[in-house]
Amino acid sequence: MTHPPKAQVRRAFEKAAPSYDSAARVQRRVCGQLALGLPAMMTPGVILDAGCGTGFALHLLRERFPPADLVGLDISPAMVAHIEVPAIHRLAGDVEHLPLADECIGLYWSSLTLQWCNLPRALVEARRVLWCGGHLAVATLGPQTFHELRTAFAAADSHRHTLDFLSPDAVAAAAAGFRNPRLERQRETVCYPDLKSLLRAIKAIGANQVGEQRRNGLMSRGAWQRLETAYEAQRLPTGLPLTYDVITLHAQK
């Protein structure tokens, strides 16, 4: 899997910060599903939200675990600045190089962030900061994510326009250092009235990352028309579909 450069990821999320909350419908649903997989009686003490964005999951985690100390970390300082959850620790940092001590976290939570990173490296860091018996809760994206967009772009030109996301087997392999791993997979599909609104929604959540070998410059009118025609061929009664192939992982250190 080719990962986008860190500076590119940071810039995309810096730009997305003001519009992120209103556009992040799927992210909210995935957070809810990830929370359902947490042990009923757990008392994590200290919780890290790795890739917290503007803090939606921090609200959810505060309600679920009122006494816990919350740490919100994101690569984008602008995202961190938009967090409105009171009494939390805010950090701008990289999930592959966490600015935290060893064994200081009871729950490592990360929802729809680690797909932009080197997952094995990020999970090594997660294991480092979790204390013995601590819980890992991760939601990431699988290979069928944005498959409609990939199909449509293939009809437009030969450039790369989407990332290649990891398979469930690759996610399981990355979690090999944890105990009792449990993987689940589900699809979330959002429909849009037209292609422009669909692409705007992707950009509004900072998800317009394609890594290396991406197109530079504007798409020609002919390529845009081919793209639009190819996407229209996939239209559902509810609109143009965009699928998120969501993989959730729960495990213990």
C-alpha atoms as a PDB file:
ATOM      1  CA  MET A   1       0.000   0.000   0.000  1.00  0.00           C
ATOM      2  CA  THR A   2       1.326   3.456  -0.937  1.00  0.00           C
ATOM      3  CA  HIS A   3       0.800   6.025   1.792  1.00  0.00           C
ATOM      4  CA  PRO A   4       0.366   9.743   1.052  1.00  0.00           C
ATOM      5  CA  PRO A   5       3.171  11.960   2.376  1.00  0.00           C
ATOM      6  CA  LYS A   6       2.552  13.158   5.940  1.00  0.00           C
ATOM      7  CA  ALA A   7       2.699  16.821   4.901  1.00  0.00           C
ATOM      8  CA  GLN A   8       0.027  16.165   2.259  1.00  0.00           C
ATOM      9  CA  VAL A   9      -2.228  14.483   4.822  1.00  0.00           C
ATOM     10  CA  ARG A  10      -1.730  17.334   7.274  1.00  0.00           C
ATOM     11  CA  ARG A  11      -2.576  19.978   4.671  1.00  0.00           C
ATOM     12  CA  ALA A  12      -5.737  18.153   3.591  1.00  0.00           C
ATOM     13  CA  PHE A  13      -7.038  17.923   7.149  1.00  0.00           C
ATOM     14  CA  GLU A  14      -6.027  21.506   7.928  1.00  0.00           C
ATOM     15  CA  LYS A  15      -8.241  22.617   5.037  1.00  0.00           C
ATOM     16  CA  ALA A  16     -11.043  20.252   6.062  1.00  0.00           C
ATOM     17  CA  ALA A  17     -11.191  21.284   9.722  1.00  0.00           C
ATOM     18  CA  PRO A  18     -13.879  24.020   9.380  1.00  0.00           C
ATOM     19  CA  SER A  19     -16.216  21.778   7.339  1.00  0.00           C
ATOM     20  CA  TYR A  20     -15.402  18.424   8.911  1.00  0.00           C
ATOM     21  CA  ASP A  21     -18.191  18.130  11.480  1.00  0.00           C
ATOM     22  CA  SER A  22     -21.022  18.857   9.047  1.00  0.00           C
ATOM     23  CA  ALA A  23     -19.678  16.416   6.447  1.00  0.00           C
ATOM     24  CA  ALA A  24     -18.607  13.471   8.607  1.00  0.00           C
ATOM     25  CA  ARG A  25     -21.784  11.355   8.573  1.00  0.00           C
ATOM     26  CA  VAL A  26     -20.068   8.031   8.013  1.00  0.00           C
ATOM     27  CA  GLN A  27     -17.410   8.814  10.599  1.00  0.00           C
ATOM     28  CA  ARG A  28     -20.106   9.292  13.244  1.00  0.00           C
ATOM     29  CA  ARG A  29     -21.808   6.010  12.390  1.00  0.00           C
ATOM     30  CA  VAL A  30     -18.519   4.140  12.487  1.00  0.00           C
ATOM     31  CA  CYS A  31     -17.681   5.612  15.894  1.00  0.00           C
ATOM     32  CA  GLY A  32     -20.986   4.295  17.197  1.00  0.00           C
ATOM     33  CA  GLN A  33     -20.291   0.810  15.844  1.00  0.00           C
ATOM     34  CA  LEU A  34     -16.756   0.806  17.238  1.00  0.00           C
ATOM     35  CA  ALA A  35     -18.057   1.780  20.680  1.00  0.00           C
ATOM     36  CA  LEU A  36     -20.498  -1.143  20.657  1.00  0.00           C
ATOM     37  CA  GLY A  37     -17.542  -3.524  20.563  1.00  0.00           C
ATOM     38  CA  LEU A  38     -15.985  -2.202  23.781  1.00  0.00           C
ATOM     39  CA  PRO A  39     -16.192  -4.483  26.837  1.00  0.00           C
ATOM     40  CA  ALA A  40     -19.237  -3.610  28.935  1.00  0.00           C
ATOM     41  CA  MET A  41     -17.449  -3.410  32.279  1.00  0.00           C
ATOM     42  CA  MET A  42     -14.130  -1.867  31.263  1.00  0.00           C
ATOM     43  CA  THR A  43     -12.635   1.025  33.259  1.00  0.00           C
ATOM     44  CA  PRO A  44      -9.863   2.350  31.023  1.00  0.00           C
ATOM     45  CA  GLY A  45      -8.624   5.167  33.261  1.00  0.00           C
ATOM     46  CA  VAL A  46      -6.762   6.972  30.457  1.00  0.00           C
ATOM     47  CA  ILE A  47      -8.067   7.000  26.872  1.00  0.00           C
ATOM     48  CA  LEU A  48      -6.184   8.063  23.753  1.00  0.00           C
ATOM     49  CA  ASP A  49      -8.178   9.043  20.665  1.00  0.00           C
ATOM     50  CA  ALA A  50      -5.495   8.688  17.986  1.00  0.00           C
ATOM     51  CA  GLY A  51      -6.531  10.803  15.006  1.00  0.00           C
ATOM     52  CA  CYS A  52      -9.284  12.555  16.923  1.00  0.00           C
ATOM     53  CA  GLY A  53     -10.203  15.083  14.233  1.00  0.00           C
ATOM     54  CA  THR A  54     -12.500  17.718  15.712  1.00  0.00           C
ATOM     55  CA  GLY A  55     -13.389  15.507  18.670  1.00  0.00           C
ATOM     56  CA  PHE A  56     -16.670  13.728  17.886  1.00  0.00           C
ATOM     57  CA  ALA A  57     -15.472  10.438  19.411  1.00  0.00           C
ATOM     58  CA  LEU A  58     -14.147  12.284  22.449  1.00  0.00           C
ATOM     59  CA  HIS A  59     -17.720  13.388  23.242  1.00  0.00           C
ATOM     60  CA  LEU A  60     -18.871   9.783  22.910  1.00  0.00           C
ATOM     61  CA  LEU A  61     -16.029   8.475  25.066  1.00  0.00           C
ATOM     62  CA  ARG A  62     -16.651  11.130  27.724  1.00  0.00           C
ATOM     63  CA  GLU A  63     -20.286  10.008  27.986  1.00  0.00           C
ATOM     64  CA  ARG A  64     -19.294   6.325  28.136  1.00  0.00           C
ATOM     65  CA  PHE A  65     -16.414   6.755  30.600  1.00  0.00           C
ATOM     66  CA  PRO A  66     -17.027   9.939  32.668  1.00  0.00           C
ATOM     67  CA  PRO A  67     -14.130   9.455  35.131  1.00  0.00           C
ATOM     68  CA  ALA A  68     -11.503   8.711  32.472  1.00  0.00           C
ATOM     69  CA  ASP A  69      -8.735  11.089  31.458  1.00  0.00           C
ATOM     70  CA  LEU A  70      -9.069  11.805  27.726  1.00  0.00           C
ATOM     71  CA  VAL A  71      -6.211  12.541  25.334  1.00  0.00           C
ATOM     72  CA  GLY A  72      -7.047  13.769  21.841  1.00  0.00           C
ATOM     73  CA  LEU A  73      -4.238  13.527  19.280  1.00  0.00           C
ATOM     74  CA  ASP A  74      -4.284  14.525  15.617  1.00  0.00           C
ATOM     75  CA  ILE A  75      -1.658  15.246  12.978  1.00  0.00           C
ATOM     76  CA  SER A  76      -3.496  18.485  12.154  1.00  0.00           C
ATOM     77  CA  PRO A  77      -3.177  21.323  14.699  1.00  0.00           C
ATOM     78  CA  ALA A  78      -6.253  22.929  13.092  1.00  0.00           C
ATOM     79  CA  MET A  79      -8.335  19.842  13.877  1.00  0.00           C
ATOM     80  CA  VAL A  80      -7.109  19.846  17.474  1.00  0.00           C
ATOM     81  CA  ALA A  81      -7.999  23.539  17.747  1.00  0.00           C
ATOM     82  CA  HIS A  82     -11.617  22.732  16.811  1.00  0.00           C
ATOM     83  CA  ILE A  83     -12.096  20.270  19.702  1.00  0.00           C
ATOM     84  CA  GLU A  84     -14.791  21.556  22.040  1.00  0.00           C
ATOM     85  CA  VAL A  85     -14.732  18.761  24.623  1.00  0.00           C
ATOM     86  CA  PRO A  86     -13.877  20.231  28.051  1.00  0.00           C
ATOM     87  CA  ALA A  87     -11.153  18.912  30.340  1.00  0.00           C
ATOM     88  CA  ILE A  88      -9.117  16.906  27.856  1.00  0.00           C
ATOM     89  CA  HIS A  89      -5.450  16.839  26.908  1.00  0.00           C
ATOM     90  CA  ARG A  90      -4.888  18.045  23.322  1.00  0.00           C
ATOM     91  CA  LEU A  91      -1.866  16.939  21.308  1.00  0.00           C
ATOM     92  CA  ALA A  92      -0.765  17.564  17.726  1.00  0.00           C
ATOM     93  CA  GLY A  93       1.270  14.547  16.714  1.00  0.00           C
ATOM     94  CA  ASP A  94       1.857  11.510  14.517  1.00  0.00           C
ATOM     95  CA  VAL A  95       0.255   8.141  15.337  1.00  0.00           C
ATOM     96  CA  GLU A  96       3.402   6.413  14.071  1.00  0.00           C
ATOM     97  CA  HIS A  97       5.517   8.336  16.611  1.00  0.00           C
ATOM     98  CA  LEU A  98       3.286   9.003  19.614  1.00  0.00           C
ATOM     99  CA  PRO A  99       4.552  11.704  22.009  1.00  0.00           C
ATOM    100  CA  LEU A 100       3.562   9.528  24.985  1.00  0.00           C
ATOM    101  CA  ALA A 101       5.356   7.410  27.565  1.00  0.00           C
ATOM    102  CA  ASP A 102       5.314   3.621  27.538  1.00  0.00           C
ATOM    103  CA  GLU A 103       2.315   1.878  29.127  1.00  0.00           C
ATOM    104  CA  CYS A 104       0.366   5.038  29.994  1.00  0.00           C
ATOM    105  CA  ILE A 105      -2.962   4.320  28.222  1.00  0.00           C
ATOM    106  CA  GLY A 106      -5.854   1.997  29.135  1.00  0.00           C
ATOM    107  CA  LEU A 107      -7.825   2.356  25.883  1.00  0.00           C
ATOM    108  CA  TYR A 108      -6.289   3.129  22.498  1.00  0.00           C
ATOM    109  CA  TRP A 109      -9.105   4.323  20.233  1.00  0.00           C
ATOM    110  CA  SER A 110      -8.714   5.244  16.571  1.00  0.00           C
ATOM    111  CA  SER A 111     -11.602   5.601  14.138  1.00  0.00           C
ATOM    112  CA  LEU A 112     -10.969   6.065  10.399  1.00  0.00           C
ATOM    113  CA  THR A 113      -7.454   7.417  10.767  1.00  0.00           C
ATOM    114  CA  LEU A 114      -4.974   4.568  10.428  1.00  0.00           C
ATOM    115  CA  GLN A 115      -5.788   3.995   6.738  1.00  0.00           C
ATOM    116  CA  TRP A 116      -3.676   7.102   6.014  1.00  0.00           C
ATOM    117  CA  CYS A 117      -0.702   5.608   7.882  1.00  0.00           C
ATOM    118  CA  ASN A 118       1.634   2.659   8.000  1.00  0.00           C
ATOM    119  CA  LEU A 119      -0.697   0.385   9.994  1.00  0.00           C
ATOM    120  CA  PRO A 120       1.907  -2.069  11.349  1.00  0.00           C
ATOM    121  CA  ARG A 121       4.030   0.838  12.582  1.00  0.00           C
ATOM    122  CA  ALA A 122       1.015   2.580  14.141  1.00  0.00           C
ATOM    123  CA  LEU A 123      -0.036  -0.602  15.952  1.00  0.00           C
ATOM    124  CA  VAL A 124       3.494  -1.108  17.294  1.00  0.00           C
ATOM    125  CA  GLU A 125       3.158   2.362  18.820  1.00  0.00           C
ATOM    126  CA  ALA A 126      -0.326   1.533  20.119  1.00  0.00           C
ATOM    127  CA  ARG A 127       1.042  -1.551  21.844  1.00  0.00           C
ATOM    128  CA  ARG A 128       3.891   0.471  23.329  1.00  0.00           C
ATOM    129  CA  VAL A 129       1.645   3.062  24.987  1.00  0.00           C
ATOM    130  CA  LEU A 130      -1.027   0.605  26.190  1.00  0.00           C
ATOM    131  CA  TRP A 131      -0.575  -0.801  29.647  1.00  0.00           C
ATOM    132  CA  CYS A 132      -0.803  -4.551  30.216  1.00  0.00           C
ATOM    133  CA  GLY A 133      -4.435  -5.596  29.750  1.00  0.00           C
ATOM    134  CA  GLY A 134      -5.259  -2.358  27.918  1.00  0.00           C
ATOM    135  CA  HIS A 135      -7.772  -2.410  25.074  1.00  0.00           C
ATOM    136  CA  LEU A 136      -7.263  -1.586  21.394  1.00  0.00           C
ATOM    137  CA  ALA A 137     -10.261  -0.313  19.392  1.00  0.00           C
ATOM    138  CA  VAL A 138      -9.565   0.582  15.757  1.00  0.00           C
ATOM    139  CA  ALA A 139     -11.734   1.238  12.717  1.00  0.00           C
ATOM    140  CA  THR A 140      -9.979   1.476   9.365  1.00  0.00           C
ATOM    141  CA  LEU A 141     -10.891   1.187   5.689  1.00  0.00           C
ATOM    142  CA  GLY A 142     -10.758  -1.945   3.534  1.00  0.00           C
ATOM    143  CA  PRO A 143     -10.048  -2.503  -0.166  1.00  0.00           C
ATOM    144  CA  GLN A 144     -13.608  -1.942  -1.410  1.00  0.00           C
ATOM    145  CA  THR A 145     -13.634   1.638  -0.118  1.00  0.00           C
ATOM    146  CA  PHE A 146     -14.562   4.123  -2.878  1.00  0.00           C
ATOM    147  CA  HIS A 147     -14.779   1.281  -5.408  1.00  0.00           C
ATOM    148  CA  GLU A 148     -17.414   3.209  -7.385  1.00  0.00           C
ATOM    149  CA  LEU A 149     -15.062   6.172  -7.666  1.00  0.00           C
ATOM    150  CA  ARG A 150     -12.170   3.947  -8.716  1.00  0.00           C
ATOM    151  CA  THR A 151     -14.312   2.355 -11.448  1.00  0.00           C
ATOM    152  CA  ALA A 152     -15.447   5.726 -12.762  1.00  0.00           C
ATOM    153  CA  PHE A 153     -11.949   7.233 -12.761  1.00  0.00           C
ATOM    154  CA  ALA A 154     -10.634   4.227 -14.710  1.00  0.00           C
ATOM    155  CA  ALA A 155     -12.933   5.287 -17.559  1.00  0.00           C
ATOM    156  CA  ALA A 156     -11.641   8.870 -17.428  1.00  0.00           C
ATOM    157  CA  ASP A 157      -7.842   8.490 -17.534  1.00  0.00           C
ATOM    158  CA  SER A 158      -4.925   6.309 -16.451  1.00  0.00           C
ATOM    159  CA  HIS A 159      -3.941   8.352 -13.392  1.00  0.00           C
ATOM    160  CA  ARG A 160      -4.192   7.158  -9.808  1.00  0.00           C
ATOM    161  CA  HIS A 161      -7.066   8.805  -7.925  1.00  0.00           C
ATOM    162  CA  THR A 162      -7.667   6.630  -4.833  1.00  0.00           C
ATOM    163  CA  LEU A 163      -5.566   4.821  -2.260  1.00  0.00           C
ATOM    164  CA  ASP A 164      -5.281   1.042  -2.113  1.00  0.00           C
ATOM    165  CA  PHE A 165      -6.540   0.089   1.342  1.00  0.00           C
ATOM    166  CA  LEU A 166      -5.485  -2.976   3.345  1.00  0.00           C
ATOM    167  CA  SER A 167      -7.372  -6.269   3.342  1.00  0.00           C
ATOM    168  CA  PRO A 168      -8.792  -7.785   6.558  1.00  0.00           C
ATOM    169  CA  ASP A 169      -5.982 -10.365   6.462  1.00  0.00           C
ATOM    170  CA  ALA A 170      -3.384  -7.587   6.339  1.00  0.00           C
ATOM    171  CA  VAL A 171      -5.075  -5.801   9.255  1.00  0.00           C
ATOM    172  CA  ALA A 172      -5.071  -9.051  11.249  1.00  0.00           C
ATOM    173  CA  ALA A 173      -1.375  -9.566  10.476  1.00  0.00           C
ATOM    174  CA  ALA A 174      -0.573  -6.038  11.677  1.00  0.00           C
ATOM    175  CA  ALA A 175      -2.313  -6.830  14.987  1.00  0.00           C
ATOM    176  CA  ALA A 176      -0.315 -10.020  15.564  1.00  0.00           C
ATOM    177  CA  GLY A 177       1.289  -8.640  18.739  1.00  0.00           C
ATOM    178  CA  PHE A 178      -2.079  -8.286  20.504  1.00  0.00           C
ATOM    179  CA  ARG A 179      -4.181 -10.838  22.377  1.00  0.00           C
ATOM    180  CA  ASN A 180      -7.719 -11.921  21.485  1.00  0.00           C
ATOM    181  CA  PRO A 181      -8.027  -9.927  18.233  1.00  0.00           C
ATOM    182  CA  ARG A 182     -11.565  -9.640  16.885  1.00  0.00           C
ATOM    183  CA  LEU A 183     -12.195  -8.298  13.370  1.00  0.00           C
ATOM    184  CA  GLU A 184     -15.517  -7.331  11.848  1.00  0.00           C
ATOM    185  CA  ARG A 185     -16.323  -5.875   8.451  1.00  0.00           C
ATOM    186  CA  GLN A 186     -19.270  -3.805   7.287  1.00  0.00           C
ATOM    187  CA  ARG A 187     -20.095  -1.460   4.435  1.00  0.00           C
ATOM    188  CA  GLU A 188     -21.407   2.059   4.816  1.00  0.00           C
ATOM    189  CA  THR A 189     -22.801   3.660   1.661  1.00  0.00           C
ATOM    190  CA  VAL A 190     -23.702   7.323   1.300  1.00  0.00           C
ATOM    191  CA  CYS A 191     -25.565   8.620  -1.770  1.00  0.00           C
ATOM    192  CA  TYR A 192     -25.190  12.041  -3.371  1.00  0.00           C
ATOM    193  CA  PRO A 193     -27.325  13.865  -5.945  1.00  0.00           C
ATOM    194  CA  ASP A 194     -24.443  14.441  -8.372  1.00  0.00           C
ATOM    195  CA  LEU A 195     -20.730  13.907  -8.863  1.00  0.00           C
ATOM    196  CA  LYS A 196     -19.658  17.395  -7.814  1.00  0.00           C
ATOM    197  CA  SER A 197     -21.379  17.119  -4.438  1.00  0.00           C
ATOM    198  CA  LEU A 198     -19.864  13.658  -3.927  1.00  0.00           C
ATOM    199  CA  LEU A 199     -16.333  14.919  -4.593  1.00  0.00           C
ATOM    200  CA  ARG A 200     -16.926  17.977  -2.394  1.00  0.00           C
ATOM    201  CA  ALA A 201     -17.984  15.689   0.463  1.00  0.00           C
ATOM    202  CA  ILE A 202     -14.786  13.652   0.143  1.00  0.00           C
ATOM    203  CA  LYS A 203     -12.707  16.821   0.203  1.00  0.00           C
ATOM    204  CA  ALA A 204     -14.678  18.226   3.153  1.00  0.00           C
ATOM    205  CA  ILE A 205     -13.522  15.368   5.391  1.00  0.00           C
ATOM    206  CA  GLY A 206      -9.924  15.491   4.164  1.00  0.00           C
ATOM    207  CA  ALA A 207     -10.214  12.100   2.448  1.00  0.00           C
ATOM    208  CA  ASN A 208      -8.933  13.253  -0.954  1.00  0.00           C
ATOM    209  CA  GLN A 209      -5.567  11.529  -0.457  1.00  0.00           C
ATOM    210  CA  VAL A 210      -4.154   9.395  -3.259  1.00  0.00           C
ATOM    211  CA  GLY A 211      -0.446   9.055  -2.489  1.00  0.00           C
ATOM    212  CA  GLU A 212       2.174   9.110  -5.192  1.00  0.00           C
ATOM    213  CA  GLN A 213       1.574   8.906  -8.948  1.00  0.00           C
ATOM    214  CA  ARG A 214      -1.470  11.123  -8.673  1.00  0.00           C
ATOM    215  CA  ARG A 215      -2.673  13.484 -11.391  1.00  0.00           C
ATOM    216  CA  ASN A 216      -1.165  16.961 -11.307  1.00  0.00           C
ATOM    217  CA  GLY A 217      -3.295  19.806 -12.625  1.00  0.00           C
ATOM    218  CA  LEU A 218      -6.929  20.030 -13.623  1.00  0.00           C
ATOM    219  CA  MET A 219      -8.802  17.268 -15.401  1.00  0.00           C
ATOM    220  CA  SER A 220      -9.651  18.010 -19.033  1.00  0.00           C
ATOM    221  CA  ARG A 221     -13.267  18.572 -20.029  1.00  0.00           C
ATOM    222  CA  GLY A 222     -13.311  15.297 -21.955  1.00  0.00           C
ATOM    223  CA  ALA A 223     -11.935  13.334 -18.988  1.00  0.00           C
ATOM    224  CA  TRP A 224     -14.505  14.946 -16.682  1.00  0.00           C
ATOM    225  CA  GLN A 225     -17.326  13.973 -19.027  1.00  0.00           C
ATOM    226  CA  ARG A 226     -16.057  10.380 -19.154  1.00  0.00           C
ATOM    227  CA  LEU A 227     -15.836  10.331 -15.366  1.00  0.00           C
ATOM    228  CA  GLU A 228     -19.351  11.698 -14.964  1.00  0.00           C
ATOM    229  CA  THR A 229     -20.807   9.249 -17.491  1.00  0.00           C
ATOM    230  CA  ALA A 230     -19.090   6.279 -15.835  1.00  0.00           C
ATOM    231  CA  TYR A 231     -20.308   7.288 -12.382  1.00  0.00           C
ATOM    232  CA  GLU A 232     -23.853   7.917 -13.629  1.00  0.00           C
ATOM    233  CA  ALA A 233     -23.913   4.306 -14.854  1.00  0.00           C
ATOM    234  CA  GLN A 234     -23.668   3.288 -11.174  1.00  0.00           C
ATOM    235  CA  ARG A 235     -26.509   5.534  -9.982  1.00  0.00           C
ATOM    236  CA  LEU A 236     -28.984   4.058  -7.502  1.00  0.00           C
ATOM    237  CA  PRO A 237     -32.570   5.263  -6.954  1.00  0.00           C
ATOM    238  CA  THR A 238     -31.218   7.221  -3.957  1.00  0.00           C
ATOM    239  CA  GLY A 239     -28.337   8.865  -5.860  1.00  0.00           C
ATOM    240  CA  LEU A 240     -24.679   8.289  -6.710  1.00  0.00           C
ATOM    241  CA  PRO A 241     -23.249   5.785  -4.196  1.00  0.00           C
ATOM    242  CA  LEU A 242     -19.966   6.083  -2.336  1.00  0.00           C
ATOM    243  CA  THR A 243     -19.001   3.038  -0.274  1.00  0.00           C
ATOM    244  CA  TYR A 244     -16.804   2.837   2.803  1.00  0.00           C
ATOM    245  CA  ASP A 245     -15.525  -0.709   3.459  1.00  0.00           C
ATOM    246  CA  VAL A 246     -15.105  -0.499   7.235  1.00  0.00           C
ATOM    247  CA  ILE A 247     -12.925  -2.935   9.178  1.00  0.00           C
ATOM    248  CA  THR A 248     -13.095  -2.806  12.983  1.00  0.00           C
ATOM    249  CA  LEU A 249     -10.492  -4.378  15.232  1.00  0.00           C
ATOM    250  CA  HIS A 250     -10.736  -4.989  18.973  1.00  0.00           C
ATOM    251  CA  ALA A 251      -7.869  -6.585  20.899  1.00  0.00           C
ATOM    252  CA  GLN A 252      -5.969  -6.539  24.185  1.00  0.00           C
ATOM    253  CA  LYS A 253      -2.339  -6.028  25.060  1.00  0.00           C
END
